[in-house]
Amino acid sequence: MNDGAMRDAAAPRRKGSVGRSVRAVAWSFIGLRKGSEYRSDLEKVNPLHVIGVGLAAVFALVAFLMALVHWIV
């Protein structure tokens, strides 16, 4: 067997949805999460979805804070 086939067989396919990634990122922003749910997310979410949702959430938070400061001042 070649190396590519061995890597494909060893790597599990993750079919996580974007909604599940949004929920995982939202809970991580709050900082509250059960250990069992965290382990479940590690198995089921797609890392690329988490990165994309996390970046979008950070940009949204920064934009919200900038708008809030602009409105107050």
PDB file of N, CA and C in Angstrom:
ATOM      1  N   MET A   1       0.831  -1.184   0.000  1.00  0.00           N
ATOM      2  CA  MET A   1       0.000   0.000   0.000  1.00  0.00           C
ATOM      3  C   MET A   1       0.871   1.240   0.000  1.00  0.00           C
ATOM      4  N   ASN A   2       0.443   2.271  -0.696  1.00  0.00           N
ATOM      5  CA  ASN A   2       1.234   3.499  -0.714  1.00  0.00           C
ATOM      6  C   ASN A   2       0.899   4.382   0.492  1.00  0.00           C
ATOM      7  N   ASP A   3       1.709   5.405   0.718  1.00  0.00           N
ATOM      8  CA  ASP A   3       1.534   6.263   1.892  1.00  0.00           C
ATOM      9  C   ASP A   3       0.239   7.054   1.853  1.00  0.00           C
ATOM     10  N   GLY A   4      -0.202   7.487   0.673  1.00  0.00           N
ATOM     11  CA  GLY A   4      -1.431   8.269   0.553  1.00  0.00           C
ATOM     12  C   GLY A   4      -2.654   7.491   0.990  1.00  0.00           C
ATOM     13  N   ALA A   5      -2.710   6.209   0.626  1.00  0.00           N
ATOM     14  CA  ALA A   5      -3.848   5.381   1.015  1.00  0.00           C
ATOM     15  C   ALA A   5      -3.848   5.135   2.515  1.00  0.00           C
ATOM     16  N   MET A   6      -2.667   5.011   3.113  1.00  0.00           N
ATOM     17  CA  MET A   6      -2.594   4.791   4.556  1.00  0.00           C
ATOM     18  C   MET A   6      -3.037   6.029   5.318  1.00  0.00           C
ATOM     19  N   ARG A   7      -2.648   7.211   4.839  1.00  0.00           N
ATOM     20  CA  ARG A   7      -3.069   8.440   5.504  1.00  0.00           C
ATOM     21  C   ARG A   7      -4.570   8.635   5.390  1.00  0.00           C
ATOM     22  N   ASP A   8      -5.141   8.322   4.230  1.00  0.00           N
ATOM     23  CA  ASP A   8      -6.587   8.474   4.041  1.00  0.00           C
ATOM     24  C   ASP A   8      -7.363   7.528   4.934  1.00  0.00           C
ATOM     25  N   ALA A   9      -6.873   6.316   5.112  1.00  0.00           N
ATOM     26  CA  ALA A   9      -7.562   5.345   5.947  1.00  0.00           C
ATOM     27  C   ALA A   9      -7.457   5.711   7.422  1.00  0.00           C
ATOM     28  N   ALA A  10      -6.351   6.326   7.834  1.00  0.00           N
ATOM     29  CA  ALA A  10      -6.149   6.649   9.241  1.00  0.00           C
ATOM     30  C   ALA A  10      -6.869   7.937   9.643  1.00  0.00           C
ATOM     31  N   ALA A  11      -7.062   8.857   8.723  1.00  0.00           N
ATOM     32  CA  ALA A  11      -7.684  10.140   9.042  1.00  0.00           C
ATOM     33  C   ALA A  11      -9.199  10.009   8.978  1.00  0.00           C
ATOM     34  N   PRO A  12      -9.893  10.302  10.090  1.00  0.00           N
ATOM     35  CA  PRO A  12     -11.354  10.233  10.065  1.00  0.00           C
ATOM     36  C   PRO A  12     -11.943  11.405   9.297  1.00  0.00           C
ATOM     37  N   ARG A  13     -13.036  11.170   8.589  1.00  0.00           N
ATOM     38  CA  ARG A  13     -13.723  12.232   7.871  1.00  0.00           C
ATOM     39  C   ARG A  13     -14.654  12.941   8.839  1.00  0.00           C
ATOM     40  N   ARG A  14     -14.556  14.253   8.876  1.00  0.00           N
ATOM     41  CA  ARG A  14     -15.414  15.037   9.754  1.00  0.00           C
ATOM     42  C   ARG A  14     -16.483  15.698   8.902  1.00  0.00           C
ATOM     43  N   LYS A  15     -17.720  15.462   9.247  1.00  0.00           N
ATOM     44  CA  LYS A  15     -18.834  16.021   8.485  1.00  0.00           C
ATOM     45  C   LYS A  15     -19.589  17.025   9.335  1.00  0.00           C
ATOM     46  N   GLY A  16     -18.862  17.880  10.036  1.00  0.00           N
ATOM     47  CA  GLY A  16     -19.494  18.852  10.905  1.00  0.00           C
ATOM     48  C   GLY A  16     -20.202  19.931  10.118  1.00  0.00           C
ATOM     49  N   SER A  17     -21.275  20.405  10.675  1.00  0.00           N
ATOM     50  CA  SER A  17     -22.025  21.462  10.019  1.00  0.00           C
ATOM     51  C   SER A  17     -21.534  22.821  10.503  1.00  0.00           C
ATOM     52  N   VAL A  18     -21.849  23.831   9.753  1.00  0.00           N
ATOM     53  CA  VAL A  18     -21.472  25.185  10.130  1.00  0.00           C
ATOM     54  C   VAL A  18     -22.235  25.601  11.387  1.00  0.00           C
ATOM     55  N   GLY A  19     -23.471  25.163  11.511  1.00  0.00           N
ATOM     56  CA  GLY A  19     -24.265  25.490  12.700  1.00  0.00           C
ATOM     57  C   GLY A  19     -23.639  24.950  13.975  1.00  0.00           C
ATOM     58  N   ARG A  20     -23.140  23.728  13.907  1.00  0.00           N
ATOM     59  CA  ARG A  20     -22.479  23.146  15.078  1.00  0.00           C
ATOM     60  C   ARG A  20     -21.197  23.914  15.396  1.00  0.00           C
ATOM     61  N   SER A  21     -20.495  24.370  14.355  1.00  0.00           N
ATOM     62  CA  SER A  21     -19.279  25.167  14.558  1.00  0.00           C
ATOM     63  C   SER A  21     -19.619  26.514  15.188  1.00  0.00           C
ATOM     64  N   VAL A  22     -20.697  27.131  14.748  1.00  0.00           N
ATOM     65  CA  VAL A  22     -21.129  28.407  15.324  1.00  0.00           C
ATOM     66  C   VAL A  22     -21.439  28.228  16.804  1.00  0.00           C
ATOM     67  N   ARG A  23     -22.134  27.155  17.130  1.00  0.00           N
ATOM     68  CA  ARG A  23     -22.475  26.890  18.533  1.00  0.00           C
ATOM     69  C   ARG A  23     -21.222  26.652  19.371  1.00  0.00           C
ATOM     70  N   ALA A  24     -20.261  25.910  18.844  1.00  0.00           N
ATOM     71  CA  ALA A  24     -19.019  25.637  19.572  1.00  0.00           C
ATOM     72  C   ALA A  24     -18.220  26.919  19.792  1.00  0.00           C
ATOM     73  N   VAL A  25     -18.148  27.773  18.776  1.00  0.00           N
ATOM     74  CA  VAL A  25     -17.409  29.031  18.904  1.00  0.00           C
ATOM     75  C   VAL A  25     -18.124  29.965  19.880  1.00  0.00           C
ATOM     76  N   ALA A  26     -19.442  30.011  19.827  1.00  0.00           N
ATOM     77  CA  ALA A  26     -20.196  30.862  20.752  1.00  0.00           C
ATOM     78  C   ALA A  26     -19.955  30.432  22.195  1.00  0.00           C
ATOM     79  N   TRP A  27     -19.991  29.143  22.463  1.00  0.00           N
ATOM     80  CA  TRP A  27     -19.723  28.650  23.810  1.00  0.00           C
ATOM     81  C   TRP A  27     -18.298  28.951  24.231  1.00  0.00           C
ATOM     82  N   SER A  28     -17.363  28.908  23.305  1.00  0.00           N
ATOM     83  CA  SER A  28     -15.977  29.191  23.663  1.00  0.00           C
ATOM     84  C   SER A  28     -15.787  30.672  23.977  1.00  0.00           C
ATOM     85  N   PHE A  29     -16.544  31.557  23.329  1.00  0.00           N
ATOM     86  CA  PHE A  29     -16.465  32.981  23.641  1.00  0.00           C
ATOM     87  C   PHE A  29     -16.980  33.230  25.050  1.00  0.00           C
ATOM     88  N   ILE A  30     -18.021  32.506  25.442  1.00  0.00           N
ATOM     89  CA  ILE A  30     -18.570  32.652  26.791  1.00  0.00           C
ATOM     90  C   ILE A  30     -17.642  32.009  27.813  1.00  0.00           C
ATOM     91  N   GLY A  31     -17.030  30.902  27.444  1.00  0.00           N
ATOM     92  CA  GLY A  31     -16.094  30.229  28.337  1.00  0.00           C
ATOM     93  C   GLY A  31     -16.722  29.131  29.168  1.00  0.00           C
ATOM     94  N   LEU A  32     -17.950  28.783  28.875  1.00  0.00           N
ATOM     95  CA  LEU A  32     -18.628  27.720  29.610  1.00  0.00           C
ATOM     96  C   LEU A  32     -18.863  26.546  28.678  1.00  0.00           C
ATOM     97  N   ARG A  33     -18.387  25.381  29.084  1.00  0.00           N
ATOM     98  CA  ARG A  33     -18.569  24.204  28.243  1.00  0.00           C
ATOM     99  C   ARG A  33     -18.364  22.959  29.082  1.00  0.00           C
ATOM    100  N   LYS A  34     -19.244  21.996  28.928  1.00  0.00           N
ATOM    101  CA  LYS A  34     -19.061  20.705  29.586  1.00  0.00           C
ATOM    102  C   LYS A  34     -17.948  19.943  28.890  1.00  0.00           C
ATOM    103  N   GLY A  35     -17.229  19.141  29.649  1.00  0.00           N
ATOM    104  CA  GLY A  35     -16.144  18.360  29.071  1.00  0.00           C
ATOM    105  C   GLY A  35     -16.626  17.381  28.025  1.00  0.00           C
ATOM    106  N   SER A  36     -17.789  16.769  28.260  1.00  0.00           N
ATOM    107  CA  SER A  36     -18.316  15.791  27.298  1.00  0.00           C
ATOM    108  C   SER A  36     -18.721  16.464  25.990  1.00  0.00           C
ATOM    109  N   GLU A  37     -19.285  17.653  26.069  1.00  0.00           N
ATOM    110  CA  GLU A  37     -19.669  18.367  24.855  1.00  0.00           C
ATOM    111  C   GLU A  37     -18.434  18.847  24.096  1.00  0.00           C
ATOM    112  N   TYR A  38     -17.393  19.230  24.839  1.00  0.00           N
ATOM    113  CA  TYR A  38     -16.140  19.635  24.198  1.00  0.00           C
ATOM    114  C   TYR A  38     -15.540  18.470  23.423  1.00  0.00           C
ATOM    115  N   ARG A  39     -15.507  17.290  24.032  1.00  0.00           N
ATOM    116  CA  ARG A  39     -14.966  16.110  23.345  1.00  0.00           C
ATOM    117  C   ARG A  39     -15.820  15.746  22.132  1.00  0.00           C
ATOM    118  N   SER A  40     -17.122  15.897  22.268  1.00  0.00           N
ATOM    119  CA  SER A  40     -18.015  15.618  21.143  1.00  0.00           C
ATOM    120  C   SER A  40     -17.744  16.580  19.988  1.00  0.00           C
ATOM    121  N   ASP A  41     -17.520  17.854  20.310  1.00  0.00           N
ATOM    122  CA  ASP A  41     -17.215  18.835  19.268  1.00  0.00           C
ATOM    123  C   ASP A  41     -15.893  18.526  18.589  1.00  0.00           C
ATOM    124  N   LEU A  42     -14.904  18.069  19.347  1.00  0.00           N
ATOM    125  CA  LEU A  42     -13.613  17.725  18.750  1.00  0.00           C
ATOM    126  C   LEU A  42     -13.763  16.628  17.706  1.00  0.00           C
ATOM    127  N   GLU A  43     -14.683  15.714  17.924  1.00  0.00           N
ATOM    128  CA  GLU A  43     -14.894  14.607  16.994  1.00  0.00           C
ATOM    129  C   GLU A  43     -15.744  14.992  15.797  1.00  0.00           C
ATOM    130  N   LYS A  44     -16.657  15.950  15.974  1.00  0.00           N
ATOM    131  CA  LYS A  44     -17.677  16.177  14.955  1.00  0.00           C
ATOM    132  C   LYS A  44     -17.540  17.454  14.144  1.00  0.00           C
ATOM    133  N   VAL A  45     -16.800  18.450  14.618  1.00  0.00           N
ATOM    134  CA  VAL A  45     -16.747  19.700  13.853  1.00  0.00           C
ATOM    135  C   VAL A  45     -15.577  19.692  12.883  1.00  0.00           C
ATOM    136  N   ASN A  46     -15.746  20.440  11.825  1.00  0.00           N
ATOM    137  CA  ASN A  46     -14.699  20.598  10.816  1.00  0.00           C
ATOM    138  C   ASN A  46     -13.795  21.752  11.254  1.00  0.00           C
ATOM    139  N   PRO A  47     -12.498  21.528  11.379  1.00  0.00           N
ATOM    140  CA  PRO A  47     -11.606  22.602  11.847  1.00  0.00           C
ATOM    141  C   PRO A  47     -11.635  23.854  10.967  1.00  0.00           C
ATOM    142  N   LEU A  48     -11.817  23.685   9.675  1.00  0.00           N
ATOM    143  CA  LEU A  48     -11.888  24.861   8.799  1.00  0.00           C
ATOM    144  C   LEU A  48     -13.131  25.690   9.077  1.00  0.00           C
ATOM    145  N   HIS A  49     -14.237  25.035   9.401  1.00  0.00           N
ATOM    146  CA  HIS A  49     -15.450  25.764   9.767  1.00  0.00           C
ATOM    147  C   HIS A  49     -15.226  26.555  11.050  1.00  0.00           C
ATOM    148  N   VAL A  50     -14.559  25.929  12.021  1.00  0.00           N
ATOM    149  CA  VAL A  50     -14.310  26.596  13.303  1.00  0.00           C
ATOM    150  C   VAL A  50     -13.420  27.824  13.098  1.00  0.00           C
ATOM    151  N   ILE A  51     -12.403  27.700  12.276  1.00  0.00           N
ATOM    152  CA  ILE A  51     -11.511  28.834  12.012  1.00  0.00           C
ATOM    153  C   ILE A  51     -12.284  29.965  11.339  1.00  0.00           C
ATOM    154  N   GLY A  52     -13.076  29.632  10.333  1.00  0.00           N
ATOM    155  CA  GLY A  52     -13.855  30.654   9.629  1.00  0.00           C
ATOM    156  C   GLY A  52     -14.880  31.334  10.526  1.00  0.00           C
ATOM    157  N   VAL A  53     -15.600  30.541  11.295  1.00  0.00           N
ATOM    158  CA  VAL A  53     -16.615  31.100  12.194  1.00  0.00           C
ATOM    159  C   VAL A  53     -15.943  31.916  13.293  1.00  0.00           C
ATOM    160  N   GLY A  54     -14.812  31.444  13.796  1.00  0.00           N
ATOM    161  CA  GLY A  54     -14.096  32.181  14.836  1.00  0.00           C
ATOM    162  C   GLY A  54     -13.611  33.530  14.347  1.00  0.00           C
ATOM    163  N   LEU A  55     -13.037  33.568  13.152  1.00  0.00           N
ATOM    164  CA  LEU A  55     -12.587  34.843  12.588  1.00  0.00           C
ATOM    165  C   LEU A  55     -13.755  35.792  12.356  1.00  0.00           C
ATOM    166  N   ALA A  56     -14.847  35.270  11.836  1.00  0.00           N
ATOM    167  CA  ALA A  56     -16.031  36.114  11.610  1.00  0.00           C
ATOM    168  C   ALA A  56     -16.572  36.649  12.939  1.00  0.00           C
ATOM    169  N   ALA A  57     -16.566  35.819  13.971  1.00  0.00           N
ATOM    170  CA  ALA A  57     -17.059  36.254  15.280  1.00  0.00           C
ATOM    171  C   ALA A  57     -16.156  37.327  15.881  1.00  0.00           C
ATOM    172  N   VAL A  58     -14.851  37.182  15.722  1.00  0.00           N
ATOM    173  CA  VAL A  58     -13.928  38.199  16.244  1.00  0.00           C
ATOM    174  C   VAL A  58     -14.143  39.518  15.517  1.00  0.00           C
ATOM    175  N   PHE A  59     -14.253  39.471  14.195  1.00  0.00           N
ATOM    176  CA  PHE A  59     -14.481  40.706  13.444  1.00  0.00           C
ATOM    177  C   PHE A  59     -15.822  41.344  13.815  1.00  0.00           C
ATOM    178  N   ALA A  60     -16.845  40.529  14.019  1.00  0.00           N
ATOM    179  CA  ALA A  60     -18.152  41.064  14.416  1.00  0.00           C
ATOM    180  C   ALA A  60     -18.076  41.696  15.804  1.00  0.00           C
ATOM    181  N   LEU A  61     -17.369  41.067  16.725  1.00  0.00           N
ATOM    182  CA  LEU A  61     -17.224  41.614  18.072  1.00  0.00           C
ATOM    183  C   LEU A  61     -16.472  42.947  18.036  1.00  0.00           C
ATOM    184  N   VAL A  62     -15.401  43.018  17.283  1.00  0.00           N
ATOM    185  CA  VAL A  62     -14.626  44.259  17.176  1.00  0.00           C
ATOM    186  C   VAL A  62     -15.476  45.357  16.533  1.00  0.00           C
ATOM    187  N   ALA A  63     -16.206  45.023  15.480  1.00  0.00           N
ATOM    188  CA  ALA A  63     -17.069  46.014  14.826  1.00  0.00           C
ATOM    189  C   ALA A  63     -18.152  46.506  15.773  1.00  0.00           C
ATOM    190  N   PHE A  64     -18.735  45.589  16.553  1.00  0.00           N
ATOM    191  CA  PHE A  64     -19.760  45.976  17.530  1.00  0.00           C
ATOM    192  C   PHE A  64     -19.184  46.910  18.586  1.00  0.00           C
ATOM    193  N   LEU A  65     -17.995  46.580  19.101  1.00  0.00           N
ATOM    194  CA  LEU A  65     -17.386  47.429  20.129  1.00  0.00           C
ATOM    195  C   LEU A  65     -17.013  48.798  19.574  1.00  0.00           C
ATOM    196  N   MET A  66     -16.525  48.839  18.328  1.00  0.00           N
ATOM    197  CA  MET A  66     -16.210  50.122  17.721  1.00  0.00           C
ATOM    198  C   MET A  66     -17.469  50.963  17.523  1.00  0.00           C
ATOM    199  N   ALA A  67     -18.551  50.332  17.091  1.00  0.00           N
ATOM    200  CA  ALA A  67     -19.814  51.056  16.911  1.00  0.00           C
ATOM    201  C   ALA A  67     -20.362  51.537  18.240  1.00  0.00           C
ATOM    202  N   LEU A  68     -20.225  50.723  19.271  1.00  0.00           N
ATOM    203  CA  LEU A  68     -20.702  51.109  20.612  1.00  0.00           C
ATOM    204  C   LEU A  68     -19.928  52.318  21.135  1.00  0.00           C
ATOM    205  N   VAL A  69     -18.610  52.298  20.973  1.00  0.00           N
ATOM    206  CA  VAL A  69     -17.785  53.428  21.426  1.00  0.00           C
ATOM    207  C   VAL A  69     -18.119  54.677  20.618  1.00  0.00           C
ATOM    208  N   HIS A  70     -18.295  54.525  19.330  1.00  0.00           N
ATOM    209  CA  HIS A  70     -18.642  55.668  18.468  1.00  0.00           C
ATOM    210  C   HIS A  70     -20.000  56.241  18.882  1.00  0.00           C
ATOM    211  N   TRP A  71     -20.934  55.399  19.217  1.00  0.00           N
ATOM    212  CA  TRP A  71     -22.271  55.849  19.617  1.00  0.00           C
ATOM    213  C   TRP A  71     -22.220  56.569  20.972  1.00  0.00           C
ATOM    214  N   ILE A  72     -21.416  56.048  21.893  1.00  0.00           N
ATOM    215  CA  ILE A  72     -21.316  56.668  23.215  1.00  0.00           C
ATOM    216  C   ILE A  72     -20.597  58.011  23.150  1.00  0.00           C
ATOM    217  N   VAL A  73     -19.537  58.069  22.372  1.00  0.00           N
ATOM    218  CA  VAL A  73     -18.743  59.308  22.279  1.00  0.00           C
ATOM    219  C   VAL A  73     -19.432  60.221  21.298  1.00  0.00           C
TER     220      VAL A  73
END
